[in-house]
Amino acid sequence: MRDAHEETKQKEILKHPVTGEDIELGEHDRTLADILHDQKEQERFLNKYLFDRKPIQAQEIADSLASGTALDAKQIQLLENTRVAYNLDRKRVELVAELLTSGELQRVAGIDPRIKEIVGQVGAENAAELMRAYVQDFALSDRKSFDKIVRAHKAMHDISTGTEAKDIDARLGALLADYKIPEQSFFEATRPGVHAAQTQENLRKLAAAEYGWFRTSIDFVSSNALSHRAGRKLLMNLQEQDKLMVQCDKHRSVVGRFLRATLTPDVRAAIQKHLLEGGSLMKSAEDSNTDTVASIQEYRRIKDERDTLATRYSAYEKEECKRRKIADISKQPGLRDALKDDFAKREVEHRKAYKGRGVFGMLLLLLFGSTPATKDDIKRSLP
C-alpha cells in the first residue's frame, strides 16, 4: 500500500506549466548515469544547466570526472540535487516547447517580422522543428526568459479556454447547426486578410445555400434579408473571436521575442546551408555547431593528449627515424630540431580545432591558458 502511495505521490510532483494538469516524467526520469552516457543530455546537464547555476562547481566536477578523481560528498550531493531539478525542468521545458506547433509559429510570424522571415525561408514545419530544439537549450540555461514564455502561454491558454471563449464557441456551434454550415466551409469563408464586408457576404451565401425552399422563398422576397441577418450574426461571432485573438497576440509577442533570441549565428548558418543544399534542416543545424569539445569524454581525450605530449613526440621521432633509416639521431642534432619543429607546427594546428563553450570552454582555458601555445612554446616542452 505504501509503495502504491509513494508511486502516486511521485507522479503528482510535476504539473504542466501551462495547463496545470498532472504529468509523469516518463523518459525524463533519468539517473545520473543515463544523463552522462547520453552526450546530448550530458552537454545540456553540465554545460547549460549546472554551469549556469554553479559555474565553479561545474568546472571542478567536470575536471574530476575527466581525471578519474573521486568526487567528494558535497559534489555528489550537488549532482543529485541538480539531477532531480534538471529532470523536472527538462520535462517542463519540453512540454512548453511542444506548444510551438507549425500553426502556432505561423501566428507568431503574423506579428513578428523576423520570425516571418524564417518561416518564409524554410517553411513553418521546418522552422517549428528547429526552434523547438533550440528553445529547449535556451530555456534550460535562461530560467527568467523561460518563466516569461510560460506566463505568456498560460495567459493565452486562460483566454482561449475561459468562459468568454467557451460562450463564443457555443454560439458559433449553434449558429452553424442552425444554418447547416459545415465548419470547414465556415473557416474557408473567413480566411484572414479579407475585408469584413466580403467575409459577411461569403457567410451570407453559405447560409443561403443551405436554405430549404421555404427559407429560400422568404429570403428572395425580402431581398436577402434573412441570409443577410445570418451573415451578420456569423460575422459578429467571428469578430468576438478576433478580439480574443488580439488579446492572445499581446502575449504571443513575448514568445516571438524569445524565439528571436534562438536565431544565433549557428542557426542562421544552418538555415543558409539548408537554402543552398536542401536536405534536413536539423542535420544542417547539427553540422553548423563548431564546438569540438562538448562532453567529458572529448575533454578527457584532449587532456590525455596534452599529458602525453612528450610520449607522442618520442613515438613520432622513432617513426621518422625508422622511415629515414637513421640509427642514432643524437648524432644529427639539426635533424632532431627539424623534427621537433615539424611536430610542434602540427600540434599548433591540431589545438586550433579545440573549441568549447560553457564549462568546457573554461576547462580548455585552464588546460591551455588564455593565449594559445605557439610552435616555440610546444617545441621547448619536448624532451
Protein backbone atom coordinates (compact mmCIF):
# COMPACT_ATOMS: atom_id res chain seq x y z
CA MET A 1 0.00 0.00 0.00
CA ARG A 2 2.82 2.38 0.93
CA ASP A 3 4.63 1.65 -2.34
CA ALA A 4 1.49 2.49 -4.31
CA HIS A 5 1.10 5.70 -2.31
CA GLU A 6 4.70 6.73 -2.99
CA GLU A 7 4.30 5.95 -6.69
CA THR A 8 1.17 8.13 -6.90
CA LYS A 9 2.93 10.89 -4.97
CA GLN A 10 5.84 10.76 -7.42
CA LYS A 11 3.50 11.06 -10.40
CA GLU A 12 1.84 14.14 -8.88
CA ILE A 13 5.12 16.03 -8.41
CA LEU A 14 5.06 17.59 -11.85
CA LYS A 15 2.28 19.87 -13.05
CA HIS A 16 2.02 21.04 -16.63
CA PRO A 17 3.45 24.58 -16.53
CA VAL A 18 0.64 25.93 -18.71
CA THR A 19 -2.45 23.77 -18.18
CA GLY A 20 -1.75 22.66 -14.61
CA GLU A 21 -2.62 19.01 -15.33
CA ASP A 22 -0.67 16.15 -13.71
CA ILE A 23 2.24 14.95 -15.84
CA GLU A 24 4.51 11.93 -15.43
CA LEU A 25 8.22 12.36 -16.05
CA GLY A 26 8.33 9.33 -18.33
CA GLU A 27 11.68 9.07 -20.16
CA HIS A 28 12.90 12.16 -18.32
CA ASP A 29 13.08 10.24 -15.03
CA ARG A 30 16.80 9.73 -15.72
CA THR A 31 19.56 8.56 -13.42
CA LEU A 32 22.84 10.46 -13.43
CA ALA A 33 24.36 7.60 -15.41
CA ASP A 34 21.58 7.90 -18.01
CA ILE A 35 22.37 11.60 -18.40
CA LEU A 36 26.16 11.29 -18.58
CA HIS A 37 26.05 8.36 -21.02
CA ASP A 38 23.97 10.38 -23.48
CA GLN A 39 26.25 13.03 -24.97
CA LYS A 40 23.46 15.48 -25.81
CA GLU A 41 21.90 15.17 -22.35
CA GLN A 42 25.30 15.42 -20.70
CA GLU A 43 26.01 18.61 -22.63
CA ARG A 44 22.66 20.08 -21.57
CA PHE A 45 23.09 18.99 -17.95
CA LEU A 46 26.71 20.01 -17.36
CA ASN A 47 27.26 22.72 -19.93
CA LYS A 48 23.96 24.57 -19.69
CA TYR A 49 22.06 23.64 -16.55
CA LEU A 50 24.71 23.08 -13.89
CA PHE A 51 27.21 25.56 -15.36
CA ASP A 52 24.60 28.32 -15.48
CA ARG A 53 23.78 27.79 -11.80
CA LYS A 54 27.12 26.75 -10.30
CA PRO A 55 29.92 27.56 -12.80
CA ILE A 56 32.89 26.92 -10.49
CA GLN A 57 31.45 23.72 -9.05
CA ALA A 58 30.53 22.53 -12.56
CA GLN A 59 34.13 23.07 -13.69
CA GLU A 60 35.54 21.22 -10.67
CA ILE A 61 33.15 18.29 -11.11
CA ALA A 62 33.76 18.02 -14.86
CA ASP A 63 37.54 18.11 -14.31
CA SER A 64 37.32 15.43 -11.63
CA LEU A 65 35.19 13.20 -13.86
CA ALA A 66 37.64 13.64 -16.74
CA SER A 67 40.63 12.91 -14.49
CA GLY A 68 39.05 9.91 -12.78
CA THR A 69 39.31 11.66 -9.40
CA ALA A 70 36.74 10.64 -6.79
CA LEU A 71 34.06 13.26 -6.13
CA ASP A 72 33.64 14.43 -2.55
CA ALA A 73 30.38 14.23 -0.59
CA LYS A 74 29.36 17.83 -1.37
CA GLN A 75 29.89 17.32 -5.11
CA ILE A 76 27.89 14.09 -5.07
CA GLN A 77 25.03 15.81 -3.23
CA LEU A 78 25.12 18.76 -5.63
CA LEU A 79 24.91 16.40 -8.61
CA GLU A 80 21.96 14.55 -7.07
CA ASN A 81 20.05 17.73 -6.22
CA THR A 82 20.77 19.11 -9.69
CA ARG A 83 19.73 15.84 -11.35
CA VAL A 84 16.31 15.91 -9.66
CA ALA A 85 15.75 19.57 -10.57
CA TYR A 86 17.08 19.01 -14.10
CA ASN A 87 14.73 16.10 -14.81
CA LEU A 88 11.74 18.16 -13.72
CA ASP A 89 12.80 21.27 -15.62
CA ARG A 90 13.76 19.22 -18.67
CA LYS A 91 10.21 17.88 -18.81
CA ARG A 92 8.66 21.31 -18.19
CA VAL A 93 10.73 22.85 -20.95
CA GLU A 94 9.80 20.06 -23.37
CA LEU A 95 6.10 20.48 -22.59
CA VAL A 96 6.28 24.20 -23.37
CA ALA A 97 8.38 23.61 -26.49
CA GLU A 98 5.71 21.20 -27.76
CA LEU A 99 3.25 24.11 -27.82
CA LEU A 100 5.31 25.62 -30.64
CA THR A 101 3.49 23.84 -33.45
CA SER A 102 3.76 24.96 -37.05
CA GLY A 103 0.33 26.61 -36.72
CA GLU A 104 1.36 28.49 -33.60
CA LEU A 105 4.62 29.59 -35.24
CA GLN A 106 2.63 30.96 -38.18
CA ARG A 107 0.56 33.01 -35.72
CA VAL A 108 3.76 34.30 -34.11
CA ALA A 109 5.08 35.12 -37.58
CA GLY A 110 1.96 37.17 -38.19
CA ILE A 111 3.04 39.64 -35.50
CA ASP A 112 6.84 39.28 -35.63
CA PRO A 113 8.62 40.23 -38.89
CA ARG A 114 11.86 38.36 -38.07
CA ILE A 115 10.05 35.10 -37.37
CA LYS A 116 8.03 35.67 -40.53
CA GLU A 117 11.31 35.82 -42.48
CA ILE A 118 12.39 32.44 -41.13
CA VAL A 119 9.03 30.85 -41.92
CA GLY A 120 9.25 32.31 -45.41
CA GLN A 121 12.72 30.82 -45.86
CA VAL A 122 12.25 27.25 -44.64
CA GLY A 123 8.51 26.82 -44.04
CA ALA A 124 6.53 26.66 -40.81
CA GLU A 125 7.09 22.91 -40.22
CA ASN A 126 10.88 23.08 -40.58
CA ALA A 127 11.15 26.31 -38.60
CA ALA A 128 8.98 24.96 -35.77
CA GLU A 129 11.02 21.75 -35.52
CA LEU A 130 14.28 23.70 -35.41
CA MET A 131 13.06 26.24 -32.88
CA ARG A 132 11.59 23.59 -30.59
CA ALA A 133 15.07 22.11 -30.26
CA TYR A 134 16.78 25.44 -29.65
CA VAL A 135 14.05 26.66 -27.30
CA GLN A 136 14.81 23.72 -25.01
CA ASP A 137 18.52 24.54 -24.91
CA PHE A 138 17.95 28.24 -24.30
CA ALA A 139 15.28 27.69 -21.67
CA LEU A 140 17.46 25.36 -19.59
CA SER A 141 20.17 27.98 -19.26
CA ASP A 142 17.92 31.06 -19.05
CA ARG A 143 15.24 30.45 -16.44
CA LYS A 144 13.99 34.05 -16.39
CA SER A 145 13.20 34.02 -20.11
CA PHE A 146 11.61 30.60 -19.80
CA ASP A 147 9.36 31.84 -16.99
CA LYS A 148 8.28 34.73 -19.21
CA ILE A 149 7.17 32.49 -22.07
CA VAL A 150 5.44 30.17 -19.60
CA ARG A 151 3.42 33.13 -18.31
CA ALA A 152 2.67 34.17 -21.89
CA HIS A 153 1.46 30.69 -22.85
CA LYS A 154 -0.57 30.42 -19.65
CA ALA A 155 -2.25 33.75 -20.35
CA MET A 156 -3.12 32.60 -23.89
CA HIS A 157 -4.41 29.29 -22.53
CA ASP A 158 -6.57 31.04 -19.95
CA ILE A 159 -8.04 33.34 -22.62
CA SER A 160 -8.71 30.56 -25.12
CA THR A 161 -10.26 28.21 -22.53
CA GLY A 162 -12.06 30.83 -20.42
CA THR A 163 -15.79 31.37 -20.07
CA GLU A 164 -15.92 34.03 -22.77
CA ALA A 165 -14.20 31.81 -25.33
CA LYS A 166 -16.44 28.87 -24.47
CA ASP A 167 -19.54 31.02 -24.85
CA ILE A 168 -18.37 32.28 -28.24
CA ASP A 169 -17.62 28.72 -29.41
CA ALA A 170 -21.01 27.51 -28.17
CA ARG A 171 -22.83 30.29 -30.01
CA LEU A 172 -20.87 29.55 -33.17
CA GLY A 173 -21.72 25.87 -32.92
CA ALA A 174 -25.39 26.68 -32.51
CA LEU A 175 -25.36 29.07 -35.47
CA LEU A 176 -23.58 26.62 -37.75
CA ALA A 177 -26.02 23.89 -36.75
CA ASP A 178 -29.00 26.17 -37.34
CA TYR A 179 -27.74 27.24 -40.77
CA LYS A 180 -26.41 23.73 -41.58
CA ILE A 181 -22.97 25.16 -42.45
CA PRO A 182 -20.01 22.72 -42.16
CA GLU A 183 -17.12 24.00 -40.01
CA GLN A 184 -14.64 23.64 -42.89
CA SER A 185 -16.82 25.78 -45.13
CA PHE A 186 -17.03 28.40 -42.40
CA PHE A 187 -13.24 28.51 -41.97
CA GLU A 188 -12.69 28.76 -45.73
CA ALA A 189 -15.15 31.65 -45.94
CA THR A 190 -13.46 33.53 -43.09
CA ARG A 191 -9.81 33.28 -44.12
CA PRO A 192 -7.55 36.09 -42.78
CA GLY A 193 -6.83 39.19 -44.84
CA VAL A 194 -10.33 39.51 -46.33
CA HIS A 195 -12.36 42.69 -45.76
CA ALA A 196 -15.20 42.35 -43.24
CA ALA A 197 -17.85 43.24 -45.84
CA GLN A 198 -16.62 40.48 -48.16
CA THR A 199 -16.45 38.00 -45.28
CA GLN A 200 -20.04 38.81 -44.33
CA GLU A 201 -21.12 38.30 -47.93
CA ASN A 202 -19.31 34.94 -48.03
CA LEU A 203 -21.14 33.88 -44.88
CA ARG A 204 -24.48 35.10 -46.25
CA LYS A 205 -24.02 32.93 -49.33
CA LEU A 206 -23.11 29.91 -47.20
CA ALA A 207 -26.27 30.30 -45.15
CA ALA A 208 -28.45 30.89 -48.22
CA ALA A 209 -27.02 27.84 -49.97
CA GLU A 210 -28.33 25.57 -47.21
CA TYR A 211 -31.86 27.03 -47.07
CA GLY A 212 -34.77 24.85 -47.93
CA TRP A 213 -37.44 26.07 -50.37
CA PHE A 214 -39.39 27.88 -47.63
CA ARG A 215 -36.45 29.92 -46.29
CA THR A 216 -35.20 30.48 -49.82
CA SER A 217 -38.57 31.94 -50.79
CA ILE A 218 -38.64 34.26 -47.76
CA ASP A 219 -35.06 35.33 -48.43
CA PHE A 220 -35.89 36.07 -52.07
CA VAL A 221 -38.96 38.19 -51.41
CA SER A 222 -37.18 40.08 -48.60
CA SER A 223 -34.21 40.98 -50.82
CA ASN A 224 -31.93 38.52 -48.96
CA ALA A 225 -32.82 39.99 -45.56
CA LEU A 226 -32.88 36.50 -43.99
CA SER A 227 -29.46 35.48 -45.25
CA HIS A 228 -28.04 38.94 -44.52
CA ARG A 229 -29.11 38.51 -40.91
CA ALA A 230 -27.41 35.11 -40.79
CA GLY A 231 -24.21 36.53 -42.31
CA ARG A 232 -24.23 39.39 -39.82
CA LYS A 233 -24.65 37.06 -36.82
CA LEU A 234 -21.82 34.83 -38.01
CA LEU A 235 -19.56 37.83 -38.67
CA MET A 236 -20.26 39.25 -35.20
CA ASN A 237 -19.27 35.91 -33.69
CA LEU A 238 -16.08 35.91 -35.76
CA GLN A 239 -15.27 39.45 -34.61
CA GLU A 240 -15.71 38.39 -30.99
CA GLN A 241 -13.22 35.59 -31.64
CA ASP A 242 -10.85 38.08 -33.24
CA LYS A 243 -10.94 40.27 -30.12
CA LEU A 244 -9.77 37.30 -28.08
CA MET A 245 -7.05 36.62 -30.65
CA VAL A 246 -5.83 40.22 -30.29
CA GLN A 247 -5.56 39.67 -26.54
CA CYS A 248 -3.61 36.47 -27.16
CA ASP A 249 -1.32 38.22 -29.64
CA LYS A 250 -0.15 40.62 -26.92
CA HIS A 251 1.20 37.61 -25.05
CA ARG A 252 2.31 35.86 -28.22
CA SER A 253 4.67 38.75 -28.92
CA VAL A 254 6.60 37.72 -25.77
CA VAL A 255 7.09 34.29 -27.31
CA GLY A 256 8.24 35.94 -30.53
CA ARG A 257 10.92 37.94 -28.70
CA PHE A 258 12.18 34.76 -27.05
CA LEU A 259 12.28 32.92 -30.37
CA ARG A 260 14.34 35.72 -31.89
CA ALA A 261 16.97 35.02 -29.23
CA THR A 262 17.34 31.50 -30.63
CA LEU A 263 18.40 32.88 -34.02
CA THR A 264 22.11 32.61 -33.24
CA PRO A 265 24.82 32.73 -35.93
CA ASP A 266 24.85 28.91 -35.85
CA VAL A 267 21.12 28.78 -36.55
CA ARG A 268 21.35 31.31 -39.35
CA ALA A 269 24.28 29.38 -40.85
CA ALA A 270 22.18 26.19 -40.74
CA ILE A 271 19.28 27.94 -42.48
CA GLN A 272 21.57 29.31 -45.19
CA LYS A 273 23.11 25.87 -45.71
CA HIS A 274 19.63 24.38 -45.99
CA LEU A 275 18.59 27.03 -48.54
CA LEU A 276 21.57 26.24 -50.75
CA GLU A 277 21.87 22.49 -50.32
CA GLY A 278 18.45 21.29 -49.19
CA GLY A 279 18.24 18.14 -47.09
CA SER A 280 17.38 18.06 -43.40
CA LEU A 281 17.35 21.43 -41.68
CA MET A 282 18.01 19.74 -38.33
CA LYS A 283 21.05 17.99 -39.82
CA SER A 284 22.28 21.34 -41.13
CA ALA A 285 21.88 22.78 -37.63
CA GLU A 286 23.92 19.96 -36.13
CA ASP A 287 26.64 20.43 -38.75
CA SER A 288 26.79 24.19 -38.11
CA ASN A 289 27.78 23.66 -34.46
CA THR A 290 31.53 24.30 -34.49
CA ASP A 291 32.15 23.09 -30.93
CA THR A 292 34.58 20.18 -30.89
CA VAL A 293 34.56 19.73 -27.12
CA ALA A 294 31.09 19.18 -25.69
CA SER A 295 31.45 16.17 -23.40
CA ILE A 296 33.60 14.80 -20.60
CA GLN A 297 34.82 12.07 -22.93
CA GLU A 298 36.06 14.58 -25.53
CA TYR A 299 37.72 16.75 -22.88
CA ARG A 300 39.39 13.68 -21.34
CA ARG A 301 40.87 12.76 -24.72
CA ILE A 302 42.31 16.26 -25.16
CA LYS A 303 43.64 16.30 -21.60
CA ASP A 304 45.33 12.95 -22.22
CA GLU A 305 46.89 14.31 -25.42
CA ARG A 306 48.39 17.22 -23.51
CA ASP A 307 49.65 14.99 -20.71
CA THR A 308 51.27 12.59 -23.18
CA LEU A 309 52.85 15.27 -25.38
CA ALA A 310 56.42 14.04 -24.71
CA THR A 311 55.42 10.42 -25.27
CA ARG A 312 53.69 11.26 -28.53
CA TYR A 313 56.72 13.18 -29.73
CA SER A 314 59.03 10.29 -28.87
CA ALA A 315 56.81 7.94 -30.90
CA TYR A 316 56.82 10.43 -33.79
CA GLU A 317 60.62 10.76 -33.68
CA LYS A 318 61.08 6.99 -33.57
CA GLU A 319 58.77 6.51 -36.56
CA GLU A 320 60.58 9.19 -38.57
CA CYS A 321 63.99 7.71 -37.79
CA LYS A 322 62.73 4.31 -38.92
CA ARG A 323 61.31 5.78 -42.10
CA ARG A 324 64.55 7.67 -42.83
CA LYS A 325 66.72 4.69 -41.77
CA ILE A 326 68.57 6.67 -39.08
CA ALA A 327 70.14 4.50 -36.38
CA ASP A 328 71.20 7.27 -33.95
CA ILE A 329 69.51 10.66 -34.27
CA SER A 330 71.59 12.07 -31.39
CA LYS A 331 74.38 12.36 -33.91
CA GLN A 332 72.17 14.61 -36.11
CA PRO A 333 71.01 17.49 -33.85
CA GLY A 334 69.93 19.53 -36.86
CA LEU A 335 67.52 16.82 -37.97
CA ARG A 336 66.17 16.38 -34.44
CA ASP A 337 65.50 20.11 -34.27
CA ALA A 338 63.70 19.93 -37.62
CA LEU A 339 61.55 17.02 -36.41
CA LYS A 340 60.63 18.93 -33.25
CA ASP A 341 59.78 21.95 -35.38
CA ASP A 342 57.52 19.90 -37.64
CA PHE A 343 55.82 18.17 -34.72
CA ALA A 344 55.23 21.49 -32.94
CA LYS A 345 53.67 23.00 -36.08
CA ARG A 346 51.28 20.06 -36.36
CA GLU A 347 50.40 20.33 -32.68
CA VAL A 348 49.56 24.03 -33.00
CA GLU A 349 47.22 23.32 -35.92
CA HIS A 350 45.69 20.40 -34.05
CA ARG A 351 44.94 22.56 -30.99
CA LYS A 352 43.27 25.23 -33.13
CA ALA A 353 40.42 22.77 -33.64
CA TYR A 354 39.65 22.68 -29.90
CA LYS A 355 36.55 24.75 -29.25
CA GLY A 356 34.06 24.58 -26.43
CA ARG A 357 31.54 26.73 -24.60
CA GLY A 358 30.38 26.89 -21.02
CA VAL A 359 32.14 24.54 -18.65
CA PHE A 360 34.20 23.02 -21.46
CA GLY A 361 35.37 26.44 -22.60
CA MET A 362 36.50 27.10 -19.02
CA LEU A 363 38.28 23.74 -18.82
CA LEU A 364 40.10 24.36 -22.10
CA LEU A 365 41.16 27.76 -20.82
CA LEU A 366 42.57 26.21 -17.66
CA LEU A 367 44.24 23.43 -19.64
CA PHE A 368 45.96 25.56 -22.28
CA GLY A 369 45.82 29.11 -20.91
CA SER A 370 44.19 32.21 -22.34
CA THR A 371 46.88 32.57 -25.02
CA PRO A 372 47.19 29.63 -27.45
CA ALA A 373 50.56 27.92 -27.32
CA THR A 374 52.90 28.85 -30.16
CA LYS A 375 55.15 26.49 -32.07
CA ASP A 376 58.12 27.60 -29.96
CA ASP A 377 56.17 27.06 -26.71
CA ILE A 378 55.43 23.47 -27.67
CA LYS A 379 58.91 22.87 -29.02
CA ARG A 380 60.51 23.97 -25.73
CA SER A 381 58.37 21.46 -23.81
CA LEU A 382 59.60 18.49 -25.88
CA PRO A 383 62.30 16.19 -24.49
